[in-house]
């Protein structure tokens, strides 16, 4: 299928703000209203914790907040759509009470939850870890809503994804082929190019080695002409290589985020906002001299 110009000016119009992703990458801070996210430090339950986390994310310089109410780790407990929406609504209400202009992404693979978050929860972006695979109504829903949609690569479901890691040839080529199918579908349903963000899906349906190979080939996603999001924060690809726990993976996360930024990532999704913002500033400073400024 046809792709966009790799040097097109990539912008997102969200919440009355124009985010120029060609000029500078942005940081998305994670707020998980769950009891079982893989990184214990990100688990938020009480009202006070929710408000404190919102303030921390924005004070440390994130452009976006990504809100989750359903853990997508392989052994996570199932959560009903009603409970997921309850959790998300609680956080969305808290954000809008304090920061009406904050840019909010919602991490959900369910179309009915996505619609409620946009229409009732005043969210801005849908972040779908399944790229429209799990819920057959998701692509039609985001096309109808005409909101920015993060299309991530995954096979199967969170419970089965790690049994589906067989790829022929380079992992990135297989990921791209499968993502292009879903990209074609959502565009045929009417979602505009300027509302599409791609996420290679690090940690989803990939082994540790495959994740690093995919990172080495991150540049293959750039010629498509869509913003690329990278989410590797404290994931198993780090602690399985380095040893330790998610709690000990801040340094590794920063190293990988910096590599992704140098390779052209437009959005980095993180637990640790301040360190990610610093990585963006350093990479941008280096690039300012590359451009002869």
Protein backbone atom coordinates (compact mmCIF):
# COMPACT_ATOMS: atom_id res chain seq x y z
CA UNK A 1 0.00 0.00 0.00
CA UNK A 2 1.05 3.59 -0.43
CA UNK A 3 2.89 5.28 2.39
CA UNK A 4 3.24 8.91 3.28
CA UNK A 5 6.29 11.01 2.69
CA UNK A 6 8.85 10.19 5.41
CA UNK A 7 9.65 13.88 5.80
CA UNK A 8 6.07 15.13 5.99
CA UNK A 9 5.37 17.62 8.74
CA UNK A 10 3.87 15.48 11.49
CA UNK A 11 1.54 17.29 13.84
CA UNK A 12 -1.27 16.33 16.19
CA UNK A 13 -4.09 18.76 16.91
CA UNK A 14 -5.18 17.89 20.43
CA UNK A 15 -6.93 19.88 23.12
CA UNK A 16 -6.50 23.09 21.14
CA UNK A 17 -2.74 22.56 20.95
CA UNK A 18 -0.66 21.77 17.91
CA UNK A 19 2.04 19.25 18.79
CA UNK A 20 4.82 19.42 16.21
CA UNK A 21 6.35 15.95 16.38
CA UNK A 22 8.71 16.73 13.52
CA UNK A 23 10.37 19.49 15.51
CA UNK A 24 10.69 17.71 18.86
CA UNK A 25 9.73 14.34 20.36
CA UNK A 26 7.32 14.35 23.29
CA UNK A 27 7.09 12.38 26.51
CA UNK A 28 3.98 10.45 27.56
CA UNK A 29 3.75 9.75 31.30
CA UNK A 30 2.07 6.55 32.50
CA UNK A 31 -0.70 6.56 35.11
CA UNK A 32 -1.98 3.04 35.85
CA UNK A 33 -5.09 2.85 38.02
CA UNK A 34 -4.60 -0.88 38.57
CA UNK A 35 -3.56 -3.16 41.44
CA UNK A 36 -1.44 -5.48 39.28
CA UNK A 37 0.65 -3.58 36.71
CA UNK A 38 4.02 -5.30 36.11
CA UNK A 39 5.92 -2.36 37.65
CA UNK A 40 4.76 -2.02 41.24
CA UNK A 41 5.87 1.60 41.36
CA UNK A 42 3.22 2.52 38.81
CA UNK A 43 0.23 1.03 40.65
CA UNK A 44 -2.15 3.79 41.70
CA UNK A 45 -5.24 3.13 43.83
CA UNK A 46 -6.28 6.01 46.11
CA UNK A 47 -7.60 9.46 45.19
CA UNK A 48 -4.54 11.05 46.77
CA UNK A 49 -2.19 8.85 44.74
CA UNK A 50 -4.08 9.69 41.54
CA UNK A 51 -3.82 13.44 42.11
CA UNK A 52 -0.17 13.22 43.17
CA UNK A 53 0.72 11.20 40.07
CA UNK A 54 -1.09 13.63 37.74
CA UNK A 55 0.83 16.54 39.24
CA UNK A 56 4.13 14.67 39.06
CA UNK A 57 3.71 13.74 35.39
CA UNK A 58 2.88 17.30 34.34
CA UNK A 59 5.34 19.05 36.65
CA UNK A 60 8.20 16.91 35.32
CA UNK A 61 7.46 17.98 31.75
CA UNK A 62 5.35 15.33 30.02
CA UNK A 63 3.18 16.52 27.13
CA UNK A 64 0.72 13.64 27.55
CA UNK A 65 -0.72 11.41 30.26
CA UNK A 66 -1.50 7.79 29.34
CA UNK A 67 -4.18 6.35 31.63
CA UNK A 68 -4.67 2.61 32.05
CA UNK A 69 -7.28 0.61 33.93
CA UNK A 70 -6.41 -2.90 32.72
CA UNK A 71 -2.95 -4.42 33.08
CA UNK A 72 -1.76 -6.02 29.84
CA UNK A 73 0.99 -8.16 31.38
CA UNK A 74 0.63 -11.87 30.48
CA UNK A 75 -0.57 -13.14 33.88
CA UNK A 76 -2.75 -10.19 34.83
CA UNK A 77 -6.26 -10.78 36.13
CA UNK A 78 -9.14 -10.17 33.75
CA UNK A 79 -11.10 -6.98 34.31
CA UNK A 80 -14.67 -6.45 33.16
CA UNK A 81 -15.44 -3.54 30.81
CA UNK A 82 -17.52 -2.00 33.59
CA UNK A 83 -14.64 -2.10 36.08
CA UNK A 84 -12.14 -0.85 33.52
CA UNK A 85 -14.41 2.11 32.70
CA UNK A 86 -14.95 2.84 36.40
CA UNK A 87 -11.21 3.03 36.99
CA UNK A 88 -10.59 5.15 33.91
CA UNK A 89 -13.48 7.51 34.62
CA UNK A 90 -12.12 8.14 38.11
CA UNK A 91 -8.74 9.21 36.73
CA UNK A 92 -10.16 11.17 33.80
CA UNK A 93 -12.42 13.11 36.15
CA UNK A 94 -9.49 13.90 38.43
CA UNK A 95 -7.37 15.14 35.52
CA UNK A 96 -10.07 17.42 34.16
CA UNK A 97 -10.82 18.85 37.60
CA UNK A 98 -7.27 20.07 37.96
CA UNK A 99 -5.82 20.30 34.44
CA UNK A 100 -8.54 20.91 31.90
CA UNK A 101 -6.04 21.36 29.08
CA UNK A 102 -3.92 18.24 29.72
CA UNK A 103 -3.55 15.88 26.76
CA UNK A 104 -4.86 12.49 27.85
CA UNK A 105 -4.42 9.13 26.18
CA UNK A 106 -6.42 6.09 27.28
CA UNK A 107 -4.83 2.64 27.17
CA UNK A 108 -7.65 0.26 26.22
CA UNK A 109 -8.32 -2.40 23.58
CA UNK A 110 -12.12 -2.29 24.08
CA UNK A 111 -14.18 -0.20 21.67
CA UNK A 112 -17.01 0.47 24.12
CA UNK A 113 -14.59 1.67 26.77
CA UNK A 114 -12.74 3.81 24.23
CA UNK A 115 -15.96 5.52 23.15
CA UNK A 116 -16.99 6.28 26.73
CA UNK A 117 -13.56 7.69 27.50
CA UNK A 118 -13.77 10.10 24.57
CA UNK A 119 -17.45 11.04 24.77
CA UNK A 120 -17.98 10.97 28.55
CA UNK A 121 -14.49 11.11 30.01
CA UNK A 122 -13.15 13.92 27.81
CA UNK A 123 -10.06 11.92 26.79
CA UNK A 124 -8.14 12.83 23.64
CA UNK A 125 -6.25 9.79 22.32
CA UNK A 126 -6.92 6.04 22.19
CA UNK A 127 -3.92 3.79 22.81
CA UNK A 128 -4.82 0.26 21.68
CA UNK A 129 -2.23 -2.41 22.52
CA UNK A 130 -3.89 -4.83 20.10
CA UNK A 131 -4.08 -2.53 17.08
CA UNK A 132 -7.73 -3.42 16.60
CA UNK A 133 -7.16 -7.20 16.73
CA UNK A 134 -8.91 -8.09 19.99
CA UNK A 135 -12.07 -6.00 19.57
CA UNK A 136 -13.43 -6.04 16.03
CA UNK A 137 -15.31 -2.79 16.63
CA UNK A 138 -12.29 -0.73 17.67
CA UNK A 139 -11.12 0.45 14.25
CA UNK A 140 -14.62 1.51 13.23
CA UNK A 141 -15.07 3.28 16.55
CA UNK A 142 -11.92 5.39 16.32
CA UNK A 143 -12.72 6.22 12.69
CA UNK A 144 -16.14 7.46 13.75
CA UNK A 145 -14.67 9.46 16.63
CA UNK A 146 -11.82 10.86 14.47
CA UNK A 147 -9.40 11.01 17.38
CA UNK A 148 -5.68 10.23 17.42
CA UNK A 149 -5.23 6.45 17.54
CA UNK A 150 -2.09 4.61 18.63
CA UNK A 151 -2.03 1.40 16.61
CA UNK A 152 0.29 -1.05 18.35
CA UNK A 153 1.48 -4.44 17.15
CA UNK A 154 0.50 -7.50 19.13
CA UNK A 155 -0.61 -11.03 18.35
CA UNK A 156 -3.33 -12.84 20.27
CA UNK A 157 -4.29 -11.49 23.69
CA UNK A 158 -2.25 -10.46 26.74
CA UNK A 159 -2.62 -14.01 28.05
CA UNK A 160 -1.53 -15.74 24.82
CA UNK A 161 0.81 -13.24 23.18
CA UNK A 162 4.08 -14.73 24.42
CA UNK A 163 3.24 -18.06 22.78
CA UNK A 164 3.03 -16.30 19.40
CA UNK A 165 6.62 -15.18 18.82
CA UNK A 166 7.51 -17.00 15.59
CA UNK A 167 8.57 -14.69 12.75
CA UNK A 168 10.09 -15.45 9.36
CA UNK A 169 13.15 -13.34 8.67
CA UNK A 170 13.64 -10.05 10.50
CA UNK A 171 11.09 -9.40 13.23
CA UNK A 172 10.54 -5.81 12.09
CA UNK A 173 9.51 -6.98 8.62
CA UNK A 174 6.88 -9.32 10.07
CA UNK A 175 5.65 -6.66 12.46
CA UNK A 176 5.39 -4.13 9.64
CA UNK A 177 3.48 -6.55 7.41
CA UNK A 178 0.93 -7.25 10.14
CA UNK A 179 0.59 -3.60 11.15
CA UNK A 180 0.03 -2.59 7.54
CA UNK A 181 -3.04 -4.85 7.39
CA UNK A 182 -4.64 -3.04 10.33
CA UNK A 183 -3.47 0.33 9.06
CA UNK A 184 -5.14 -0.30 5.71
CA UNK A 185 -8.36 -1.33 7.45
CA UNK A 186 -8.60 1.72 9.69
CA UNK A 187 -7.84 4.06 6.80
CA UNK A 188 -10.53 2.40 4.66
CA UNK A 189 -12.95 3.02 7.53
CA UNK A 190 -12.12 6.71 7.32
CA UNK A 191 -9.53 7.50 10.01
CA UNK A 192 -7.41 10.36 8.69
CA UNK A 193 -3.65 10.01 8.35
CA UNK A 194 -3.04 12.85 10.80
CA UNK A 195 -4.77 10.81 13.53
CA UNK A 196 -2.56 7.72 13.25
CA UNK A 197 0.42 6.88 15.49
CA UNK A 198 2.32 3.59 15.20
CA UNK A 199 3.83 1.55 18.05
CA UNK A 200 6.00 -1.52 17.22
CA UNK A 201 4.83 -3.18 20.44
CA UNK A 202 7.98 -3.89 22.42
CA UNK A 203 7.34 -6.72 24.87
CA UNK A 204 4.20 -7.94 23.10
CA UNK A 205 4.49 -11.21 21.14
CA UNK A 206 8.29 -10.86 21.11
CA UNK A 207 11.10 -12.62 22.94
CA UNK A 208 13.88 -10.66 24.63
CA UNK A 209 16.20 -11.05 21.63
CA UNK A 210 13.42 -10.16 19.23
CA UNK A 211 12.75 -6.95 21.14
CA UNK A 212 16.38 -5.87 20.71
CA UNK A 213 16.40 -6.83 17.05
CA UNK A 214 13.22 -4.79 16.64
CA UNK A 215 14.89 -1.85 18.35
CA UNK A 216 17.89 -2.16 16.02
CA UNK A 217 15.44 -1.94 13.09
CA UNK A 218 13.35 0.92 14.47
CA UNK A 219 14.37 3.04 11.50
CA UNK A 220 12.32 0.77 9.22
CA UNK A 221 9.14 2.32 10.64
CA UNK A 222 10.06 5.90 9.83
CA UNK A 223 9.53 5.78 6.02
CA UNK A 224 5.82 5.09 6.58
CA UNK A 225 5.46 8.78 7.45
CA UNK A 226 3.50 8.33 10.68
CA UNK A 227 4.61 9.32 14.19
CA UNK A 228 6.22 6.37 15.98
CA UNK A 229 5.73 5.72 19.70
CA UNK A 230 8.20 3.62 21.68
CA UNK A 231 7.20 2.11 25.02
CA UNK A 232 9.97 0.15 26.72
CA UNK A 233 9.84 1.63 30.22
CA UNK A 234 11.13 -0.89 32.81
CA UNK A 235 9.98 -3.82 30.67
CA UNK A 236 11.21 -7.41 30.81
CA UNK A 237 13.49 -6.88 27.80
CA UNK A 238 15.60 -4.84 30.22
CA UNK A 239 15.60 -6.88 33.42
CA UNK A 240 15.96 -10.20 31.61
CA UNK A 241 19.09 -8.89 29.93
CA UNK A 242 20.56 -6.95 32.84
CA UNK A 243 19.26 -8.97 35.79
CA UNK A 244 17.21 -7.49 38.57
CA UNK A 245 13.64 -6.27 38.81
CA UNK A 246 11.52 -3.61 37.10
CA UNK A 247 12.23 -1.35 40.09
CA UNK A 248 15.93 -1.40 39.16
CA UNK A 249 15.55 -0.62 35.46
CA UNK A 250 15.56 3.18 35.38
CA UNK A 251 19.07 3.42 33.93
CA UNK A 252 18.41 0.76 31.30
CA UNK A 253 15.15 2.47 30.38
CA UNK A 254 16.92 5.78 29.87
CA UNK A 255 19.58 4.17 27.69
CA UNK A 256 16.99 2.51 25.45
CA UNK A 257 14.84 5.63 25.26
CA UNK A 258 17.87 7.64 24.20
CA UNK A 259 18.66 5.10 21.48
CA UNK A 260 15.05 5.21 20.28
CA UNK A 261 15.12 9.01 20.15
CA UNK A 262 18.34 8.97 18.13
CA UNK A 263 16.67 6.54 15.74
CA UNK A 264 13.75 8.93 15.23
CA UNK A 265 11.06 8.02 17.79
CA UNK A 266 8.48 10.78 18.10
CA UNK A 267 6.81 9.79 21.39
CA UNK A 268 8.31 7.88 24.30
CA UNK A 269 5.93 6.36 26.85
CA UNK A 270 7.49 6.20 30.31
CA UNK A 271 7.02 5.76 34.04
CA UNK A 272 9.90 8.13 34.83
CA UNK A 273 9.08 11.44 33.20
CA UNK A 274 11.91 13.68 34.38
CA UNK A 275 14.62 11.36 33.09
CA UNK A 276 12.84 10.96 29.74
CA UNK A 277 12.45 14.73 29.33
CA UNK A 278 16.16 15.11 30.01
CA UNK A 279 16.95 12.49 27.35
CA UNK A 280 14.85 14.41 24.83
CA UNK A 281 16.63 17.67 25.65
CA UNK A 282 20.08 16.10 25.28
CA UNK A 283 19.24 14.43 21.97
CA UNK A 284 17.71 17.66 20.65
CA UNK A 285 20.82 19.59 21.65
CA UNK A 286 23.02 17.16 19.73
CA UNK A 287 20.73 17.36 16.72
CA UNK A 288 20.83 21.15 16.72
CA UNK A 289 24.50 20.92 15.77
CA UNK A 290 23.85 18.18 13.22
CA UNK A 291 21.56 20.66 11.46
CA UNK A 292 24.23 23.30 11.57
CA UNK A 293 22.30 25.57 13.98
